[in-house]
Protein backbone atom coordinates (compact mmCIF):
# COMPACT_ATOMS: atom_id res chain seq x y z
CA UNK A 1 -30.61 3.10 -11.24
CA UNK A 2 -28.00 2.91 -14.01
CA UNK A 3 -26.64 6.36 -13.07
CA UNK A 4 -26.14 5.18 -9.47
CA UNK A 5 -24.23 2.10 -10.67
CA UNK A 6 -22.06 4.25 -12.94
CA UNK A 7 -21.33 6.62 -10.04
CA UNK A 8 -20.47 3.70 -7.75
CA UNK A 9 -18.13 2.23 -10.37
CA UNK A 10 -16.46 5.61 -10.91
CA UNK A 11 -15.97 5.93 -7.14
CA UNK A 12 -14.37 2.46 -7.00
CA UNK A 13 -12.00 3.38 -9.82
CA UNK A 14 -11.04 6.55 -7.95
CA UNK A 15 -10.47 4.59 -4.72
CA UNK A 16 -8.31 2.00 -6.54
CA UNK A 17 -6.29 4.82 -8.09
CA UNK A 18 -5.80 6.54 -4.71
CA UNK A 19 -4.77 3.20 -3.17
CA UNK A 20 -2.19 2.65 -5.91
CA UNK A 21 -0.95 6.26 -5.80
CA UNK A 22 -0.40 6.04 -2.04
CA UNK A 23 1.64 2.85 -2.52
CA UNK A 24 3.70 4.46 -5.25
CA UNK A 25 4.41 7.57 -3.17
CA UNK A 26 5.40 5.57 -0.10
CA UNK A 27 7.59 3.05 -1.90
CA UNK A 28 9.01 5.61 -4.31
CA UNK A 29 10.11 8.05 -1.61
CA UNK A 30 11.46 5.15 0.45
CA UNK A 31 13.48 3.89 -2.51
CA UNK A 32 14.93 7.36 -3.23
CA UNK A 33 16.02 7.80 0.37
CA UNK A 34 17.38 4.27 0.69
CA UNK A 35 19.38 4.44 -2.56
CA UNK A 36 20.56 8.07 -2.66
CA UNK A 37 19.87 9.59 0.73
CA UNK A 38 18.21 12.93 1.37
CA UNK A 39 17.93 15.31 -1.59
CA UNK A 40 20.56 18.07 -1.31
CA UNK A 41 21.86 16.29 1.80
CA UNK A 42 19.19 17.94 3.96
CA UNK A 43 18.42 15.20 6.49
CA UNK A 44 16.05 17.32 8.59
CA UNK A 45 13.84 18.18 5.62
CA UNK A 46 14.01 14.59 4.32
CA UNK A 47 12.94 13.18 7.68
CA UNK A 48 10.02 15.61 7.86
CA UNK A 49 8.95 14.86 4.29
CA UNK A 50 9.30 11.12 4.88
CA UNK A 51 7.13 11.45 7.99
CA UNK A 52 4.48 13.32 5.99
CA UNK A 53 4.52 10.87 3.08
CA UNK A 54 4.45 7.87 5.41
CA UNK A 55 1.58 9.16 7.54
CA UNK A 56 -0.53 10.43 4.62
CA UNK A 57 -0.05 7.28 2.56
CA UNK A 58 -0.92 5.15 5.59
CA UNK A 59 -4.18 7.05 6.09
CA UNK A 60 -5.08 6.79 2.40
CA UNK A 61 -4.24 3.08 2.28
CA UNK A 62 -6.27 2.30 5.40
CA UNK A 63 -9.32 4.27 4.26
CA UNK A 64 -9.34 3.07 0.66
CA UNK A 65 -8.35 -0.47 1.64
CA UNK A 66 -11.27 -0.76 4.03
CA UNK A 67 -13.78 0.32 1.38
CA UNK A 68 -12.24 -1.85 -1.33
CA UNK A 69 -12.14 -4.87 0.98
CA UNK A 70 -15.80 -4.43 1.86
CA UNK A 71 -16.62 -4.14 -1.86
CA UNK A 72 -14.71 -7.35 -2.68
CA UNK A 73 -16.30 -9.35 0.14
CA UNK A 74 -19.76 -8.14 -0.85
CA UNK A 75 -19.29 -10.07 -4.11
CA UNK A 76 -19.46 -13.55 -2.61
CA UNK A 77 -18.43 -15.39 -5.78
CA UNK A 78 -15.02 -13.71 -6.06
CA UNK A 79 -13.80 -13.55 -2.47
CA UNK A 80 -13.52 -16.74 -0.48
CA UNK A 81 -11.22 -18.23 2.12
CA UNK A 82 -8.18 -18.15 -0.17
CA UNK A 83 -8.79 -14.48 -0.90
CA UNK A 84 -9.15 -13.73 2.82
CA UNK A 85 -5.92 -15.57 3.64
CA UNK A 86 -3.92 -13.74 1.00
CA UNK A 87 -5.46 -10.44 2.08
CA UNK A 88 -4.42 -11.13 5.69
CA UNK A 89 -0.86 -11.83 4.52
CA UNK A 90 -0.91 -8.59 2.50
CA UNK A 91 -2.01 -6.62 5.57
CA UNK A 92 0.76 -8.21 7.67
CA UNK A 93 3.37 -7.32 5.02
CA UNK A 94 2.10 -3.74 4.87
CA UNK A 95 2.15 -3.47 8.66
CA UNK A 96 5.76 -4.68 8.76
CA UNK A 97 6.74 -2.19 6.04
CA UNK A 98 5.17 0.70 7.94
CA UNK A 99 6.61 -0.36 11.30
CA UNK A 100 10.08 -0.37 9.82
CA UNK A 101 9.43 2.90 8.01
CA UNK A 102 8.68 4.59 11.31
CA UNK A 103 11.75 2.98 12.89
CA UNK A 104 13.96 3.92 9.92
CA UNK A 105 12.95 7.57 10.27
CA UNK A 106 13.71 7.53 14.01
CA UNK A 107 17.24 6.23 13.40
CA UNK A 108 17.98 8.91 10.79
CA UNK A 109 17.16 7.30 7.42
CA UNK A 110 20.64 5.85 6.82
CA UNK A 111 21.37 5.22 3.14
CA UNK A 112 21.32 1.48 2.46
CA UNK A 113 20.20 0.79 6.04
CA UNK A 114 18.58 -2.48 7.04
CA UNK A 115 15.35 -0.78 8.09
CA UNK A 116 14.98 0.82 4.66
CA UNK A 117 15.69 -2.49 2.97
CA UNK A 118 12.95 -4.18 5.03
CA UNK A 119 10.53 -1.36 4.12
CA UNK A 120 11.20 -1.92 0.43
CA UNK A 121 11.09 -5.73 0.59
CA UNK A 122 7.84 -5.93 2.54
CA UNK A 123 6.38 -3.04 0.51
CA UNK A 124 7.18 -4.90 -2.71
CA UNK A 125 5.68 -8.09 -1.27
CA UNK A 126 2.52 -6.13 -0.47
CA UNK A 127 2.26 -4.92 -4.07
CA UNK A 128 2.86 -8.46 -5.35
CA UNK A 129 0.12 -9.80 -3.09
CA UNK A 130 -2.24 -7.12 -4.44
CA UNK A 131 -1.70 -8.54 -7.93
CA UNK A 132 -2.24 -12.08 -6.62
CA UNK A 133 -5.48 -10.96 -4.95
CA UNK A 134 -6.74 -9.53 -8.23
CA UNK A 135 -6.09 -12.86 -9.95
CA UNK A 136 -7.71 -14.88 -7.18
CA UNK A 137 -10.76 -12.62 -7.21
CA UNK A 138 -11.14 -12.74 -10.99
CA UNK A 139 -10.71 -16.52 -11.11
CA UNK A 140 -13.40 -16.82 -8.42
CA UNK A 141 -15.77 -14.76 -10.53
CA UNK A 142 -15.21 -16.88 -13.65
CA UNK A 143 -15.67 -20.24 -11.93
């Protein structure tokens, strides 16, 4: 029984790491393109790479987020209505960031463009809300 719990905990750590890594890749590549433009000025390659990073990170975030959400809600003491509300806001912010990421790519990834700025702002808000969720969950466990 203890080995199963250790394996489950290790899997959760891996899923949290993948979730964070996907966020870092998406926001990091977005920031590079928004601030400096395509590496070596190759817009075609940058658009293709941005498409790949965006789509892969979206898949990873959806898959890991679903599992992690289920895990949080299975612990009734830590996840209540406040947690659910903040999580819903986080999902909305992430959806806005991804919608504008897809739009930004379609218009050519202009350096300093409004679409890129919205991606970064809503992406940063999503990361901030993740930290808030952690605090809300932990305070729910301790009360």
